[in-house]
N, C-alpha and C. Protein backbone atom coordinates (compact mmCIF):
# COMPACT_ATOMS: atom_id res chain seq x y z
N GLY A 1 135.76 122.62 77.45
CA GLY A 1 134.86 121.51 77.38
C GLY A 1 133.61 121.74 78.17
N ARG A 2 132.75 120.80 78.10
CA ARG A 2 131.46 120.86 78.78
C ARG A 2 131.54 120.16 80.12
N TYR A 3 130.98 120.77 81.16
CA TYR A 3 130.93 120.18 82.50
C TYR A 3 129.50 119.80 82.81
N GLU A 4 129.30 118.58 83.27
CA GLU A 4 127.98 118.13 83.68
C GLU A 4 128.06 117.67 85.12
N ALA A 5 127.32 118.35 86.01
CA ALA A 5 127.32 118.01 87.43
C ALA A 5 126.73 116.61 87.62
N GLN A 6 127.28 115.86 88.53
CA GLN A 6 126.77 114.53 88.86
C GLN A 6 125.63 114.68 89.85
N THR A 7 124.41 114.33 89.41
CA THR A 7 123.24 114.42 90.27
C THR A 7 122.50 113.08 90.27
N SER A 8 121.59 112.93 91.22
CA SER A 8 120.76 111.73 91.29
C SER A 8 119.32 112.16 91.49
N GLY A 9 118.42 111.19 91.54
CA GLY A 9 117.01 111.47 91.79
C GLY A 9 116.22 111.63 90.50
N GLN A 10 115.01 112.18 90.65
CA GLN A 10 114.10 112.37 89.52
C GLN A 10 114.44 113.69 88.83
N LYS A 11 115.23 113.60 87.76
CA LYS A 11 115.74 114.78 87.06
C LYS A 11 114.73 115.31 86.05
N PRO A 12 114.74 116.64 85.82
CA PRO A 12 113.88 117.18 84.75
C PRO A 12 114.43 116.77 83.39
N GLY A 13 113.55 116.58 82.45
CA GLY A 13 113.97 116.25 81.09
C GLY A 13 114.49 117.49 80.37
N PRO A 14 115.05 117.29 79.18
CA PRO A 14 115.55 118.43 78.39
C PRO A 14 114.42 119.40 78.10
N ARG A 15 114.73 120.70 78.11
CA ARG A 15 113.72 121.73 77.89
C ARG A 15 114.38 123.05 77.55
N SER A 16 113.61 123.98 77.07
CA SER A 16 114.07 125.35 76.86
C SER A 16 112.99 126.28 77.39
N GLY A 17 113.32 127.53 77.59
CA GLY A 17 112.34 128.51 78.04
C GLY A 17 111.87 128.32 79.46
N HIS A 18 112.59 127.53 80.27
CA HIS A 18 112.21 127.31 81.67
C HIS A 18 112.73 128.45 82.54
N ALA A 19 112.34 128.46 83.80
CA ALA A 19 112.82 129.47 84.75
C ALA A 19 113.35 128.75 85.98
N MET A 20 114.36 129.37 86.61
CA MET A 20 114.96 128.79 87.82
C MET A 20 115.10 129.88 88.87
N ALA A 21 115.02 129.46 90.12
CA ALA A 21 115.26 130.36 91.26
C ALA A 21 115.79 129.51 92.41
N ARG A 22 116.50 130.17 93.32
CA ARG A 22 117.10 129.46 94.45
C ARG A 22 116.60 130.04 95.77
N ILE A 23 116.28 129.14 96.69
CA ILE A 23 116.02 129.50 98.08
C ILE A 23 116.89 128.59 98.92
N ASP A 24 117.83 129.19 99.65
CA ASP A 24 118.79 128.46 100.47
C ASP A 24 119.48 127.38 99.64
N LYS A 25 119.37 126.13 100.05
CA LYS A 25 120.08 125.05 99.36
C LYS A 25 119.26 124.40 98.25
N HIS A 26 118.11 124.98 97.92
CA HIS A 26 117.23 124.39 96.91
C HIS A 26 117.16 125.26 95.66
N LEU A 27 117.35 124.62 94.51
CA LEU A 27 117.23 125.27 93.21
C LEU A 27 115.96 124.75 92.56
N TYR A 28 115.04 125.64 92.24
CA TYR A 28 113.74 125.28 91.68
C TYR A 28 113.75 125.52 90.17
N VAL A 29 113.20 124.57 89.41
CA VAL A 29 113.07 124.69 87.95
C VAL A 29 111.59 124.49 87.63
N PHE A 30 111.00 125.48 86.92
CA PHE A 30 109.58 125.38 86.58
C PHE A 30 109.37 125.56 85.08
N GLY A 31 108.53 124.69 84.51
CA GLY A 31 108.00 124.84 83.17
C GLY A 31 109.01 124.83 82.05
N GLY A 32 108.66 125.55 80.99
CA GLY A 32 109.45 125.58 79.78
C GLY A 32 108.73 124.81 78.68
N CYS A 33 109.48 124.45 77.65
CA CYS A 33 108.88 123.67 76.59
C CYS A 33 109.86 122.62 76.08
N ARG A 34 109.30 121.54 75.61
CA ARG A 34 110.05 120.45 75.02
C ARG A 34 109.42 120.16 73.67
N ARG A 35 110.17 120.41 72.63
CA ARG A 35 109.65 120.32 71.25
C ARG A 35 108.44 121.22 71.14
N SER A 36 107.24 120.69 70.90
CA SER A 36 106.06 121.55 70.78
C SER A 36 105.17 121.49 72.01
N SER A 37 105.64 120.90 73.11
CA SER A 37 104.84 120.77 74.33
C SER A 37 105.27 121.79 75.38
N PHE A 38 104.30 122.51 75.93
CA PHE A 38 104.57 123.41 77.04
C PHE A 38 104.44 122.62 78.33
N LEU A 39 105.25 122.95 79.34
CA LEU A 39 105.32 122.20 80.59
C LEU A 39 104.88 123.05 81.78
N ASN A 40 104.31 122.41 82.79
CA ASN A 40 104.02 123.10 84.05
C ASN A 40 104.53 122.27 85.23
N ASP A 41 105.66 121.61 85.03
CA ASP A 41 106.21 120.77 86.08
C ASP A 41 107.23 121.55 86.93
N LEU A 42 107.39 121.12 88.16
CA LEU A 42 108.32 121.73 89.10
C LEU A 42 109.30 120.67 89.57
N PHE A 43 110.58 120.99 89.49
CA PHE A 43 111.64 120.12 89.99
C PHE A 43 112.49 120.91 90.97
N VAL A 44 113.06 120.20 91.94
CA VAL A 44 113.88 120.84 92.96
C VAL A 44 115.21 120.10 93.06
N LEU A 45 116.30 120.86 93.03
CA LEU A 45 117.63 120.29 93.23
C LEU A 45 118.14 120.72 94.58
N ASN A 46 118.43 119.75 95.46
CA ASN A 46 119.09 120.03 96.73
C ASN A 46 120.57 120.17 96.40
N THR A 47 121.11 121.38 96.53
CA THR A 47 122.48 121.63 96.11
C THR A 47 123.52 121.09 97.08
N GLU A 48 123.10 120.65 98.25
CA GLU A 48 124.05 120.01 99.18
C GLU A 48 124.23 118.54 98.84
N THR A 49 123.12 117.86 98.53
CA THR A 49 123.19 116.43 98.23
C THR A 49 123.23 116.16 96.73
N MET A 50 122.98 117.22 95.91
CA MET A 50 122.91 117.12 94.45
C MET A 50 121.86 116.08 94.02
N THR A 51 120.72 116.10 94.73
CA THR A 51 119.62 115.19 94.46
C THR A 51 118.41 115.96 93.95
N TRP A 52 117.86 115.52 92.81
CA TRP A 52 116.65 116.10 92.25
C TRP A 52 115.42 115.44 92.85
N SER A 53 114.33 116.20 92.97
CA SER A 53 113.04 115.64 93.36
C SER A 53 111.95 116.39 92.61
N LYS A 54 110.80 115.77 92.53
CA LYS A 54 109.63 116.39 91.92
C LYS A 54 108.55 116.42 92.99
N PRO A 55 108.28 117.60 93.57
CA PRO A 55 107.30 117.68 94.65
C PRO A 55 105.93 117.18 94.20
N SER A 56 105.22 116.57 95.12
CA SER A 56 103.86 116.14 94.83
C SER A 56 102.96 116.73 95.89
N GLY A 57 101.68 116.67 95.64
CA GLY A 57 100.72 117.21 96.59
C GLY A 57 100.10 118.48 96.07
N GLY A 58 99.03 118.89 96.70
CA GLY A 58 98.30 120.06 96.26
C GLY A 58 97.43 119.70 95.06
N PRO A 59 96.26 120.27 94.98
CA PRO A 59 95.36 119.96 93.87
C PRO A 59 95.92 120.44 92.54
N ALA A 60 95.76 119.62 91.52
CA ALA A 60 96.25 119.96 90.18
C ALA A 60 95.57 121.23 89.67
N ALA A 61 94.34 121.48 90.11
CA ALA A 61 93.61 122.67 89.67
C ALA A 61 94.31 123.95 90.11
N HIS A 62 95.16 123.86 91.13
CA HIS A 62 95.85 125.04 91.64
C HIS A 62 97.23 125.21 91.04
N ALA A 63 97.67 124.28 90.21
CA ALA A 63 98.99 124.37 89.60
C ALA A 63 98.97 125.47 88.54
N PRO A 64 100.06 126.23 88.42
CA PRO A 64 100.14 127.23 87.36
C PRO A 64 100.00 126.56 85.99
N LYS A 65 99.46 127.28 85.03
CA LYS A 65 99.29 126.74 83.68
C LYS A 65 100.65 126.57 83.01
N ALA A 66 100.71 125.62 82.08
CA ALA A 66 101.94 125.36 81.33
C ALA A 66 102.37 126.62 80.60
N ARG A 67 103.69 126.87 80.58
CA ARG A 67 104.21 128.08 79.95
C ARG A 67 105.70 127.98 79.73
N ALA A 68 106.22 128.90 78.95
CA ALA A 68 107.66 129.00 78.71
C ALA A 68 108.04 130.49 78.68
N TYR A 69 109.31 130.77 78.83
CA TYR A 69 109.86 132.13 78.77
C TYR A 69 109.23 133.05 79.80
N HIS A 70 109.09 132.55 81.02
CA HIS A 70 108.52 133.26 82.15
C HIS A 70 109.64 133.61 83.13
N THR A 71 109.27 134.22 84.24
CA THR A 71 110.22 134.58 85.28
C THR A 71 109.81 133.91 86.58
N LEU A 72 110.77 133.37 87.31
CA LEU A 72 110.54 132.78 88.62
C LEU A 72 111.41 133.55 89.59
N SER A 73 110.79 134.18 90.57
CA SER A 73 111.52 135.00 91.54
C SER A 73 111.37 134.42 92.94
N ALA A 74 112.46 134.46 93.70
CA ALA A 74 112.47 133.87 95.04
C ALA A 74 112.32 134.95 96.11
N ASP A 75 111.55 134.62 97.14
CA ASP A 75 111.45 135.42 98.36
C ASP A 75 111.89 134.49 99.48
N SER A 76 113.18 134.47 99.75
CA SER A 76 113.72 133.50 100.72
C SER A 76 113.25 133.81 102.14
N LYS A 77 112.93 135.04 102.45
CA LYS A 77 112.45 135.39 103.79
C LYS A 77 111.14 134.67 104.10
N ASN A 78 110.26 134.58 103.09
CA ASN A 78 108.96 133.93 103.27
C ASN A 78 108.90 132.55 102.64
N ASN A 79 110.05 132.03 102.20
CA ASN A 79 110.13 130.71 101.59
C ASN A 79 109.10 130.55 100.46
N SER A 80 109.05 131.55 99.57
CA SER A 80 108.07 131.56 98.50
C SER A 80 108.75 131.82 97.16
N LEU A 81 108.10 131.33 96.12
CA LEU A 81 108.51 131.60 94.75
C LEU A 81 107.34 132.26 94.03
N PHE A 82 107.64 133.23 93.18
CA PHE A 82 106.61 133.92 92.41
C PHE A 82 106.87 133.73 90.93
N LEU A 83 105.83 133.35 90.21
CA LEU A 83 105.91 133.04 88.80
C LEU A 83 105.17 134.14 88.04
N PHE A 84 105.84 134.77 87.08
CA PHE A 84 105.26 135.87 86.33
C PHE A 84 105.34 135.61 84.83
N GLY A 85 104.25 135.90 84.12
CA GLY A 85 104.26 135.99 82.68
C GLY A 85 104.56 134.72 81.93
N GLY A 86 105.23 134.88 80.79
CA GLY A 86 105.57 133.77 79.93
C GLY A 86 104.65 133.68 78.73
N THR A 87 104.85 132.65 77.93
CA THR A 87 103.98 132.37 76.80
C THR A 87 103.34 131.02 77.00
N ARG A 88 102.16 130.85 76.42
CA ARG A 88 101.41 129.61 76.58
C ARG A 88 101.05 129.04 75.24
N PRO A 89 100.53 127.81 75.26
CA PRO A 89 100.10 127.17 74.01
C PRO A 89 99.04 127.98 73.28
N PRO A 90 98.66 127.57 72.08
CA PRO A 90 97.78 128.35 71.22
C PRO A 90 96.48 128.85 71.82
N ALA A 91 96.03 128.33 72.95
CA ALA A 91 94.80 128.84 73.55
C ALA A 91 94.91 130.35 73.78
N CYS A 92 96.09 130.83 74.10
CA CYS A 92 96.30 132.28 74.26
C CYS A 92 97.11 132.83 73.10
N GLY A 93 97.40 132.00 72.13
CA GLY A 93 98.27 132.41 71.03
C GLY A 93 99.69 131.99 71.35
N LEU A 94 100.39 131.43 70.41
CA LEU A 94 101.70 130.85 70.67
C LEU A 94 102.66 131.81 71.34
N HIS A 95 102.61 133.08 70.97
CA HIS A 95 103.55 134.03 71.56
C HIS A 95 102.83 135.12 72.35
N ALA A 96 101.63 134.83 72.81
CA ALA A 96 100.88 135.81 73.59
C ALA A 96 101.29 135.74 75.05
N PRO A 97 101.15 136.84 75.78
CA PRO A 97 101.44 136.80 77.22
C PRO A 97 100.58 135.73 77.90
N ALA A 98 101.05 135.22 79.01
CA ALA A 98 100.36 134.13 79.70
C ALA A 98 99.19 134.66 80.53
N CYS A 99 98.38 135.50 79.95
CA CYS A 99 97.11 135.93 80.54
C CYS A 99 97.26 136.51 81.93
N LYS A 100 98.35 137.16 82.20
CA LYS A 100 98.61 137.85 83.47
C LYS A 100 98.50 136.93 84.68
N THR A 101 98.82 135.66 84.52
CA THR A 101 98.76 134.72 85.64
C THR A 101 99.91 135.01 86.60
N ILE A 102 99.62 135.11 87.86
CA ILE A 102 100.64 135.24 88.89
C ILE A 102 100.44 134.09 89.85
N ALA A 103 101.48 133.33 90.10
CA ALA A 103 101.36 132.15 90.96
C ALA A 103 102.39 132.21 92.06
N CYS A 104 102.07 131.64 93.16
CA CYS A 104 103.00 131.54 94.28
C CYS A 104 103.15 130.08 94.65
N ILE A 105 104.38 129.62 94.69
CA ILE A 105 104.66 128.26 95.14
C ILE A 105 105.06 128.39 96.60
N GLU A 106 104.16 128.02 97.50
CA GLU A 106 104.39 128.30 98.90
C GLU A 106 105.26 127.28 99.61
N SER A 107 105.29 126.06 99.14
CA SER A 107 106.13 125.06 99.78
C SER A 107 106.38 123.94 98.79
N LEU A 108 107.21 123.00 99.18
CA LEU A 108 107.50 121.88 98.30
C LEU A 108 106.27 121.02 98.04
N SER A 109 105.32 121.03 98.96
CA SER A 109 104.19 120.13 98.82
C SER A 109 102.90 120.82 98.39
N GLN A 110 102.96 122.14 98.18
CA GLN A 110 101.71 122.82 97.86
C GLN A 110 101.94 123.86 96.77
N LEU A 111 101.12 123.83 95.76
CA LEU A 111 101.14 124.84 94.71
C LEU A 111 99.84 125.63 94.81
N ARG A 112 99.94 126.94 94.85
CA ARG A 112 98.73 127.76 94.90
C ARG A 112 98.84 128.89 93.89
N CYS A 113 97.74 129.24 93.31
CA CYS A 113 97.69 130.39 92.39
C CYS A 113 96.73 131.41 92.94
N PHE A 114 97.03 132.67 92.68
CA PHE A 114 96.04 133.71 93.00
C PHE A 114 96.00 134.74 91.91
């Protein structure tokens, strides 16, 4: 049968093509797509309390562009996440690489791209 963990908080909606990574007790979920919409949202699950949250803060201009089928890698020593590649909406072509964007999520409250 199917098992569904009991969680609370602001949960991410259904999606495909998203990426996840873990740092300590936090599981991060970024982007993906829902139907024909690409997403650039970030959700965090505290695996001790099983509570979801959606970090806020940081200028929207610094948020990584919406994408799906990307990779999210954790650097727990520096408390950082690195986002690589993926596909983006038709501006880059539906199945084109995500324009070599590399982003670093430095903390729960700040998103930065370089």
